C-alpha atoms as a PDB file:
ATOM      1  CA  MET A   1     -86.227 -35.708  10.028  1.00  0.00           C
ATOM      2  CA  ALA A   2     -84.717 -39.101   9.252  1.00  0.00           C
ATOM      3  CA  TYR A   3     -85.212 -42.450  10.958  1.00  0.00           C
ATOM      4  CA  PHE A   4     -84.247 -46.066  10.427  1.00  0.00           C
ATOM      5  CA  ASP A   5     -85.429 -49.269  12.068  1.00  0.00           C
ATOM      6  CA  SER A   6     -82.927 -50.978  14.362  1.00  0.00           C
ATOM      7  CA  LYS A   7     -84.243 -54.295  15.666  1.00  0.00           C
ATOM      8  CA  GLY A   8     -87.731 -52.882  15.948  1.00  0.00           C
ATOM      9  CA  VAL A   9     -86.747 -49.524  17.474  1.00  0.00           C
ATOM     10  CA  GLN A  10     -86.977 -46.339  15.412  1.00  0.00           C
ATOM     11  CA  ILE A  11     -83.653 -44.485  15.592  1.00  0.00           C
ATOM     12  CA  TYR A  12     -83.570 -40.794  14.725  1.00  0.00           C
ATOM     13  CA  PHE A  13     -80.491 -39.300  13.065  1.00  0.00           C
ATOM     14  CA  GLU A  14     -79.451 -36.096  11.356  1.00  0.00           C
ATOM     15  CA  GLU A  15     -76.715 -35.174   8.884  1.00  0.00           C
ATOM     16  CA  HIS A  16     -74.684 -32.002   8.374  1.00  0.00           C
ATOM     17  CA  GLY A  17     -72.025 -31.208   5.774  1.00  0.00           C
ATOM     18  CA  ILE A  18     -70.409 -33.358   3.093  1.00  0.00           C
ATOM     19  CA  GLY A  19     -67.192 -35.324   2.761  1.00  0.00           C
ATOM     20  CA  GLU A  20     -65.679 -38.168   4.762  1.00  0.00           C
ATOM     21  CA  PRO A  21     -68.102 -39.330   7.476  1.00  0.00           C
ATOM     22  CA  VAL A  22     -67.886 -38.579  11.185  1.00  0.00           C
ATOM     23  CA  VAL A  23     -70.387 -40.345  13.442  1.00  0.00           C
ATOM     24  CA  LEU A  24     -71.287 -38.701  16.777  1.00  0.00           C
ATOM     25  CA  VAL A  25     -72.728 -40.616  19.756  1.00  0.00           C
ATOM     26  CA  HIS A  26     -74.105 -38.517  22.612  1.00  0.00           C
ATOM     27  CA  GLY A  27     -74.108 -39.009  26.371  1.00  0.00           C
ATOM     28  CA  PHE A  28     -76.683 -40.440  28.751  1.00  0.00           C
ATOM     29  CA  ALA A  29     -79.882 -38.383  29.166  1.00  0.00           C
ATOM     30  CA  SER A  30     -78.755 -36.085  26.337  1.00  0.00           C
ATOM     31  CA  ARG A  31     -79.545 -36.164  22.612  1.00  0.00           C
ATOM     32  CA  ALA A  32     -77.765 -35.257  19.387  1.00  0.00           C
ATOM     33  CA  GLU A  33     -78.919 -31.641  19.289  1.00  0.00           C
ATOM     34  CA  HIS A  34     -78.061 -31.022  22.941  1.00  0.00           C
ATOM     35  CA  ASN A  35     -74.669 -32.777  23.004  1.00  0.00           C
ATOM     36  CA  TRP A  36     -73.439 -31.679  19.561  1.00  0.00           C
ATOM     37  CA  GLY A  37     -75.664 -28.900  18.227  1.00  0.00           C
ATOM     38  CA  ALA A  38     -75.928 -26.574  21.208  1.00  0.00           C
ATOM     39  CA  THR A  39     -72.166 -26.903  21.790  1.00  0.00           C
ATOM     40  CA  ASN A  40     -71.319 -25.983  18.160  1.00  0.00           C
ATOM     41  CA  TRP A  41     -69.859 -29.327  17.137  1.00  0.00           C
ATOM     42  CA  PHE A  42     -72.048 -29.459  14.026  1.00  0.00           C
ATOM     43  CA  THR A  43     -70.806 -26.059  12.863  1.00  0.00           C
ATOM     44  CA  THR A  44     -67.214 -27.032  13.735  1.00  0.00           C
ATOM     45  CA  LEU A  45     -67.162 -30.332  11.852  1.00  0.00           C
ATOM     46  CA  ALA A  46     -69.621 -29.803   8.976  1.00  0.00           C
ATOM     47  CA  PRO A  47     -67.300 -27.557   6.899  1.00  0.00           C
ATOM     48  CA  HIS A  48     -64.871 -30.494   6.711  1.00  0.00           C
ATOM     49  CA  TYR A  49     -66.918 -33.695   7.068  1.00  0.00           C
ATOM     50  CA  ARG A  50     -70.247 -35.422   6.560  1.00  0.00           C
ATOM     51  CA  VAL A  51     -71.449 -35.368  10.158  1.00  0.00           C
ATOM     52  CA  VAL A  52     -73.947 -38.061  11.198  1.00  0.00           C
ATOM     53  CA  ALA A  53     -75.441 -37.876  14.687  1.00  0.00           C
ATOM     54  CA  LEU A  54     -78.064 -40.189  16.140  1.00  0.00           C
ATOM     55  CA  ASP A  55     -80.360 -40.000  19.120  1.00  0.00           C
ATOM     56  CA  CYS A  56     -79.551 -43.206  20.994  1.00  0.00           C
ATOM     57  CA  ARG A  57     -82.459 -45.504  21.773  1.00  0.00           C
ATOM     58  CA  GLY A  58     -84.322 -44.283  24.846  1.00  0.00           C
ATOM     59  CA  HIS A  59     -83.293 -40.705  24.101  1.00  0.00           C
ATOM     60  CA  GLY A  60     -84.433 -37.657  22.149  1.00  0.00           C
ATOM     61  CA  LYS A  61     -86.540 -38.403  19.082  1.00  0.00           C
ATOM     62  CA  SER A  62     -85.676 -42.112  18.942  1.00  0.00           C
ATOM     63  CA  GLY A  63     -87.883 -44.924  20.216  1.00  0.00           C
ATOM     64  CA  LYS A  64     -88.019 -45.327  23.991  1.00  0.00           C
ATOM     65  CA  PRO A  65     -88.662 -48.954  24.975  1.00  0.00           C
ATOM     66  CA  HIS A  66     -89.441 -49.605  28.643  1.00  0.00           C
ATOM     67  CA  ASP A  67     -88.083 -53.166  28.404  1.00  0.00           C
ATOM     68  CA  SER A  68     -84.574 -53.672  29.808  1.00  0.00           C
ATOM     69  CA  ALA A  69     -83.804 -56.278  27.140  1.00  0.00           C
ATOM     70  CA  ALA A  70     -83.934 -53.461  24.573  1.00  0.00           C
ATOM     71  CA  TYR A  71     -80.805 -51.918  26.104  1.00  0.00           C
ATOM     72  CA  GLY A  72     -78.782 -54.954  27.216  1.00  0.00           C
ATOM     73  CA  GLY A  73     -75.352 -56.060  26.082  1.00  0.00           C
ATOM     74  CA  GLU A  74     -73.918 -54.085  23.169  1.00  0.00           C
ATOM     75  CA  ILE A  75     -77.228 -53.395  21.398  1.00  0.00           C
ATOM     76  CA  MET A  76     -76.702 -49.620  21.514  1.00  0.00           C
ATOM     77  CA  GLY A  77     -73.424 -50.075  19.674  1.00  0.00           C
ATOM     78  CA  GLU A  78     -75.195 -52.234  17.122  1.00  0.00           C
ATOM     79  CA  ASP A  79     -77.557 -49.299  16.519  1.00  0.00           C
ATOM     80  CA  VAL A  80     -74.522 -47.279  15.426  1.00  0.00           C
ATOM     81  CA  ILE A  81     -73.361 -50.028  13.067  1.00  0.00           C
ATOM     82  CA  GLY A  82     -76.928 -50.339  11.763  1.00  0.00           C
ATOM     83  CA  LEU A  83     -76.987 -46.615  11.047  1.00  0.00           C
ATOM     84  CA  MET A  84     -73.717 -46.882   9.147  1.00  0.00           C
ATOM     85  CA  ASP A  85     -75.114 -49.786   7.134  1.00  0.00           C
ATOM     86  CA  HIS A  86     -78.321 -47.846   6.463  1.00  0.00           C
ATOM     87  CA  LEU A  87     -76.293 -44.930   5.075  1.00  0.00           C
ATOM     88  CA  GLY A  88     -73.766 -47.087   3.192  1.00  0.00           C
ATOM     89  CA  ILE A  89     -70.829 -46.008   5.385  1.00  0.00           C
ATOM     90  CA  LYS A  90     -68.172 -48.719   5.410  1.00  0.00           C
ATOM     91  CA  ARG A  91     -65.625 -46.995   7.690  1.00  0.00           C
ATOM     92  CA  THR A  92     -65.894 -43.817   9.682  1.00  0.00           C
ATOM     93  CA  LEU A  93     -64.284 -41.399  12.059  1.00  0.00           C
ATOM     94  CA  ILE A  94     -66.279 -41.496  15.291  1.00  0.00           C
ATOM     95  CA  MET A  95     -66.658 -39.618  18.551  1.00  0.00           C
ATOM     96  CA  GLY A  96     -68.663 -40.543  21.616  1.00  0.00           C
ATOM     97  CA  TYR A  97     -69.161 -38.571  24.805  1.00  0.00           C
ATOM     98  CA  SER A  98     -69.794 -40.133  28.243  1.00  0.00           C
ATOM     99  CA  MET A  99     -72.256 -42.988  27.555  1.00  0.00           C
ATOM    100  CA  GLY A 100     -71.420 -42.457  23.887  1.00  0.00           C
ATOM    101  CA  GLY A 101     -67.749 -42.919  24.731  1.00  0.00           C
ATOM    102  CA  ARG A 102     -68.572 -46.221  26.388  1.00  0.00           C
ATOM    103  CA  ILE A 103     -70.548 -47.272  23.292  1.00  0.00           C
ATOM    104  CA  VAL A 104     -67.634 -46.353  21.018  1.00  0.00           C
ATOM    105  CA  THR A 105     -65.204 -48.226  23.290  1.00  0.00           C
ATOM    106  CA  GLY A 106     -67.315 -51.318  22.706  1.00  0.00           C
ATOM    107  CA  LEU A 107     -67.193 -50.755  18.952  1.00  0.00           C
ATOM    108  CA  LEU A 108     -63.403 -50.443  19.067  1.00  0.00           C
ATOM    109  CA  MET A 109     -63.343 -53.999  20.368  1.00  0.00           C
ATOM    110  CA  SER A 110     -66.217 -55.538  18.377  1.00  0.00           C
ATOM    111  CA  HIS A 111     -66.048 -53.695  15.030  1.00  0.00           C
ATOM    112  CA  PRO A 112     -62.565 -52.162  14.669  1.00  0.00           C
ATOM    113  CA  GLU A 113     -62.648 -52.665  10.905  1.00  0.00           C
ATOM    114  CA  ARG A 114     -65.497 -50.114  10.668  1.00  0.00           C
ATOM    115  CA  LEU A 115     -63.591 -47.317  12.446  1.00  0.00           C
ATOM    116  CA  ARG A 116     -60.819 -45.101  11.060  1.00  0.00           C
ATOM    117  CA  ALA A 117     -60.158 -43.244  14.311  1.00  0.00           C
ATOM    118  CA  ALA A 118     -62.094 -42.682  17.532  1.00  0.00           C
ATOM    119  CA  VAL A 119     -62.430 -39.932  20.119  1.00  0.00           C
ATOM    120  CA  LEU A 120     -63.574 -41.027  23.572  1.00  0.00           C
ATOM    121  CA  GLY A 121     -64.872 -37.967  25.409  1.00  0.00           C
ATOM    122  CA  GLY A 122     -65.784 -37.722  29.085  1.00  0.00           C
ATOM    123  CA  ILE A 123     -64.835 -41.260  30.123  1.00  0.00           C
ATOM    124  CA  GLY A 124     -62.126 -43.106  32.001  1.00  0.00           C
ATOM    125  CA  VAL A 125     -61.826 -46.680  33.225  1.00  0.00           C
ATOM    126  CA  VAL A 126     -61.296 -48.670  36.414  1.00  0.00           C
ATOM    127  CA  SER A 127     -59.180 -51.741  37.033  1.00  0.00           C
ATOM    128  CA  ALA A 128     -60.681 -55.159  37.618  1.00  0.00           C
ATOM    129  CA  THR A 129     -59.776 -54.909  41.313  1.00  0.00           C
ATOM    130  CA  SER A 130     -61.589 -51.597  41.838  1.00  0.00           C
ATOM    131  CA  ALA A 131     -65.134 -51.268  43.115  1.00  0.00           C
ATOM    132  CA  SER A 132     -67.524 -51.185  40.188  1.00  0.00           C
ATOM    133  CA  PHE A 133     -69.734 -48.155  39.530  1.00  0.00           C
ATOM    134  CA  SER A 134     -73.202 -48.621  41.019  1.00  0.00           C
ATOM    135  CA  ARG A 135     -76.020 -47.567  38.722  1.00  0.00           C
ATOM    136  CA  LYS A 136     -78.798 -48.295  41.233  1.00  0.00           C
ATOM    137  CA  PRO A 137     -78.886 -44.857  42.930  1.00  0.00           C
ATOM    138  CA  ILE A 138     -79.285 -43.230  39.509  1.00  0.00           C
ATOM    139  CA  VAL A 139     -82.024 -45.662  38.512  1.00  0.00           C
ATOM    140  CA  ASP A 140     -83.820 -44.983  41.801  1.00  0.00           C
ATOM    141  CA  ALA A 141     -83.457 -41.219  41.308  1.00  0.00           C
ATOM    142  CA  LEU A 142     -84.907 -41.374  37.791  1.00  0.00           C
ATOM    143  CA  LEU A 143     -87.888 -43.388  39.037  1.00  0.00           C
ATOM    144  CA  ALA A 144     -88.497 -41.251  42.138  1.00  0.00           C
ATOM    145  CA  GLU A 145     -91.896 -39.569  42.219  1.00  0.00           C
ATOM    146  CA  ASN A 146     -90.251 -36.260  43.046  1.00  0.00           C
ATOM    147  CA  ILE A 147     -86.644 -35.077  42.891  1.00  0.00           C
ATOM    148  CA  SER A 148     -86.946 -33.620  46.378  1.00  0.00           C
ATOM    149  CA  GLY A 149     -86.822 -37.148  47.760  1.00  0.00           C
ATOM    150  CA  VAL A 150     -83.461 -37.946  46.136  1.00  0.00           C
ATOM    151  CA  THR A 151     -80.619 -37.766  48.667  1.00  0.00           C
ATOM    152  CA  ASP A 152     -77.676 -39.134  46.650  1.00  0.00           C
ATOM    153  CA  GLN A 153     -76.029 -36.020  45.161  1.00  0.00           C
ATOM    154  CA  ARG A 154     -74.645 -37.650  42.008  1.00  0.00           C
ATOM    155  CA  ALA A 155     -77.965 -39.370  41.336  1.00  0.00           C
ATOM    156  CA  LYS A 156     -79.792 -36.090  41.939  1.00  0.00           C
ATOM    157  CA  GLU A 157     -77.601 -34.368  39.330  1.00  0.00           C
ATOM    158  CA  PHE A 158     -78.423 -37.094  36.791  1.00  0.00           C
ATOM    159  CA  ARG A 159     -82.148 -36.612  37.502  1.00  0.00           C
ATOM    160  CA  GLN A 160     -81.846 -32.825  37.144  1.00  0.00           C
ATOM    161  CA  PHE A 161     -80.011 -33.180  33.838  1.00  0.00           C
ATOM    162  CA  ALA A 162     -82.530 -35.730  32.535  1.00  0.00           C
ATOM    163  CA  GLU A 163     -85.410 -33.401  33.375  1.00  0.00           C
ATOM    164  CA  SER A 164     -83.675 -30.418  31.770  1.00  0.00           C
ATOM    165  CA  THR A 165     -83.282 -32.256  28.454  1.00  0.00           C
ATOM    166  CA  GLY A 166     -86.932 -33.356  28.378  1.00  0.00           C
ATOM    167  CA  ASN A 167     -86.301 -37.085  28.191  1.00  0.00           C
ATOM    168  CA  ASP A 168     -88.507 -40.022  29.236  1.00  0.00           C
ATOM    169  CA  LEU A 169     -87.357 -40.739  32.805  1.00  0.00           C
ATOM    170  CA  LYS A 170     -88.628 -44.317  32.859  1.00  0.00           C
ATOM    171  CA  ALA A 171     -86.890 -45.177  29.576  1.00  0.00           C
ATOM    172  CA  LEU A 172     -83.666 -43.672  30.930  1.00  0.00           C
ATOM    173  CA  ALA A 173     -83.984 -45.658  34.155  1.00  0.00           C
ATOM    174  CA  VAL A 174     -84.408 -48.881  32.175  1.00  0.00           C
ATOM    175  CA  CYS A 175     -81.447 -47.935  29.956  1.00  0.00           C
ATOM    176  CA  MET A 176     -79.236 -47.187  32.969  1.00  0.00           C
ATOM    177  CA  GLY A 177     -80.201 -50.390  34.760  1.00  0.00           C
ATOM    178  CA  ALA A 178     -79.950 -52.765  31.773  1.00  0.00           C
ATOM    179  CA  ALA A 179     -77.550 -55.701  31.903  1.00  0.00           C
ATOM    180  CA  ARG A 180     -74.227 -54.804  30.329  1.00  0.00           C
ATOM    181  CA  ASP A 181     -70.609 -55.298  31.324  1.00  0.00           C
ATOM    182  CA  ASP A 182     -68.468 -52.458  32.615  1.00  0.00           C
ATOM    183  CA  PHE A 183     -65.235 -52.490  30.615  1.00  0.00           C
ATOM    184  CA  THR A 184     -62.174 -52.719  32.864  1.00  0.00           C
ATOM    185  CA  ALA A 185     -58.667 -51.606  31.963  1.00  0.00           C
ATOM    186  CA  GLU A 186     -57.573 -55.227  31.782  1.00  0.00           C
ATOM    187  CA  HIS A 187     -60.400 -56.191  29.415  1.00  0.00           C
ATOM    188  CA  ILE A 188     -59.676 -53.300  27.077  1.00  0.00           C
ATOM    189  CA  ALA A 189     -55.917 -53.938  27.114  1.00  0.00           C
ATOM    190  CA  ALA A 190     -56.454 -57.605  26.277  1.00  0.00           C
ATOM    191  CA  LYS A 191     -58.313 -56.630  23.091  1.00  0.00           C
ATOM    192  CA  GLN A 192     -55.168 -54.876  21.769  1.00  0.00           C
ATOM    193  CA  ILE A 193     -57.038 -52.055  20.046  1.00  0.00           C
ATOM    194  CA  ARG A 194     -55.191 -50.836  16.955  1.00  0.00           C
ATOM    195  CA  VAL A 195     -57.548 -48.076  15.820  1.00  0.00           C
ATOM    196  CA  PRO A 196     -56.104 -44.582  16.538  1.00  0.00           C
ATOM    197  CA  VAL A 197     -57.761 -43.278  19.720  1.00  0.00           C
ATOM    198  CA  MET A 198     -57.823 -39.935  21.501  1.00  0.00           C
ATOM    199  CA  ILE A 199     -59.325 -39.541  24.993  1.00  0.00           C
ATOM    200  CA  VAL A 200     -60.588 -36.082  26.022  1.00  0.00           C
ATOM    201  CA  ILE A 201     -61.752 -35.198  29.521  1.00  0.00           C
ATOM    202  CA  GLY A 202     -62.039 -32.211  31.829  1.00  0.00           C
ATOM    203  CA  THR A 203     -59.613 -31.887  34.735  1.00  0.00           C
ATOM    204  CA  LYS A 204     -62.597 -31.422  37.066  1.00  0.00           C
ATOM    205  CA  ASP A 205     -64.609 -34.359  35.719  1.00  0.00           C
ATOM    206  CA  LEU A 206     -65.298 -36.526  38.776  1.00  0.00           C
ATOM    207  CA  LEU A 207     -68.142 -38.584  37.274  1.00  0.00           C
ATOM    208  CA  VAL A 208     -66.031 -41.133  35.446  1.00  0.00           C
ATOM    209  CA  GLY A 209     -63.079 -43.470  35.986  1.00  0.00           C
ATOM    210  CA  ASN A 210     -59.374 -42.853  35.478  1.00  0.00           C
ATOM    211  CA  PRO A 211     -58.585 -41.388  32.022  1.00  0.00           C
ATOM    212  CA  THR A 212     -54.847 -42.094  32.384  1.00  0.00           C
ATOM    213  CA  LEU A 213     -55.589 -45.766  33.012  1.00  0.00           C
ATOM    214  CA  LEU A 214     -57.790 -45.791  29.903  1.00  0.00           C
ATOM    215  CA  ARG A 215     -54.994 -44.253  27.830  1.00  0.00           C
ATOM    216  CA  ASP A 216     -52.565 -46.879  29.125  1.00  0.00           C
ATOM    217  CA  SER A 217     -55.039 -49.628  28.163  1.00  0.00           C
ATOM    218  CA  ILE A 218     -55.041 -48.589  24.485  1.00  0.00           C
ATOM    219  CA  ALA A 219     -51.585 -48.698  22.907  1.00  0.00           C
ATOM    220  CA  GLY A 220     -50.621 -45.460  21.179  1.00  0.00           C
ATOM    221  CA  SER A 221     -53.672 -43.545  22.354  1.00  0.00           C
ATOM    222  CA  LYS A 222     -53.504 -39.855  23.215  1.00  0.00           C
ATOM    223  CA  LEU A 223     -54.959 -38.137  26.293  1.00  0.00           C
ATOM    224  CA  VAL A 224     -56.104 -34.494  26.234  1.00  0.00           C
ATOM    225  CA  MET A 225     -57.045 -32.869  29.546  1.00  0.00           C
ATOM    226  CA  LEU A 226     -59.296 -29.791  29.412  1.00  0.00           C
ATOM    227  CA  GLU A 227     -58.218 -27.430  32.174  1.00  0.00           C
ATOM    228  CA  GLY A 228     -61.006 -26.386  34.539  1.00  0.00           C
ATOM    229  CA  ARG A 229     -63.741 -28.299  32.716  1.00  0.00           C
ATOM    230  CA  ASP A 230     -66.136 -30.750  34.360  1.00  0.00           C
ATOM    231  CA  HIS A 231     -68.398 -33.394  32.825  1.00  0.00           C
ATOM    232  CA  LEU A 232     -71.060 -30.944  31.666  1.00  0.00           C
ATOM    233  CA  SER A 233     -68.843 -28.067  30.536  1.00  0.00           C
ATOM    234  CA  ALA A 234     -66.256 -30.063  28.578  1.00  0.00           C
ATOM    235  CA  PRO A 235     -68.290 -30.603  25.354  1.00  0.00           C
ATOM    236  CA  GLY A 236     -68.365 -26.866  24.607  1.00  0.00           C
ATOM    237  CA  ASP A 237     -64.627 -26.335  25.115  1.00  0.00           C
ATOM    238  CA  GLN A 238     -62.821 -24.767  22.153  1.00  0.00           C
ATOM    239  CA  HIS A 239     -59.572 -26.633  22.829  1.00  0.00           C
ATOM    240  CA  TYR A 240     -61.562 -29.884  22.651  1.00  0.00           C
ATOM    241  CA  LYS A 241     -62.756 -28.947  19.164  1.00  0.00           C
ATOM    242  CA  GLU A 242     -59.292 -27.931  17.975  1.00  0.00           C
ATOM    243  CA  ALA A 243     -57.785 -31.186  19.264  1.00  0.00           C
ATOM    244  CA  VAL A 244     -60.453 -33.286  17.534  1.00  0.00           C
ATOM    245  CA  LEU A 245     -60.047 -31.501  14.196  1.00  0.00           C
ATOM    246  CA  GLU A 246     -56.288 -32.035  14.314  1.00  0.00           C
ATOM    247  CA  PHE A 247     -56.692 -35.674  15.351  1.00  0.00           C
ATOM    248  CA  PHE A 248     -59.233 -36.498  12.647  1.00  0.00           C
ATOM    249  CA  GLN A 249     -57.151 -34.765   9.977  1.00  0.00           C
ATOM    250  CA  SER A 250     -54.163 -36.929  10.930  1.00  0.00           C
ATOM    251  CA  ALA A 251     -56.139 -40.191  10.805  1.00  0.00           C
ATOM    252  CA  PRO A 252     -55.022 -42.748   8.197  1.00  0.00           C
ATOM    253  CA  ALA A 253     -57.254 -43.135   5.163  1.00  0.00           C
END
């Protein structure tokens, strides 16, 4: 097992394969092995690439601070850059799913020079005039003494998933509730992202914003819709894997 120190938090990571690097950033309440190992992404990518996957802070085998300041702003994205620095990776292909997609979106705007191409899985975006996503019901559900008392269905599903993956519920609640901006379509468009981007999402994914609006916010980006897949079933989709392999192979050096 391998770790590195990121601003006082121990971050776990694992590597598979050799070649050009691909960094993988998992979703909320998941971990590297669950998001990428159990769904056969490691075995898909490792024959072609050096695959690097971290457990985000608050998740899996990484440190789990209970202080909201440890998750605020873009610090989780800085963990990814710190991992790249630790491993001597100057530029990389990258893929994030759900929360990981949000983290990678931030990196596309703050560190574009470090990214060759990016896949944003399981996310969309809203416009500045839309109602923002409320995290409070999810935070409350994660902190509830018992899941039976959770009435909000979406929040209940988050709690069930968090319990199934064996994570620290309090750390996840602090992570979910930490102060960070929600990226709007207008904010992303204003950054004029030039890194090649592909967005992948299930046609039945109702947990996130509008993927078409996200595609339109990033010039030249590609949108792949996975027929019949929802937020939890999309990562294991074979078409998803085929699309990513083709996209990464077409990325400029």
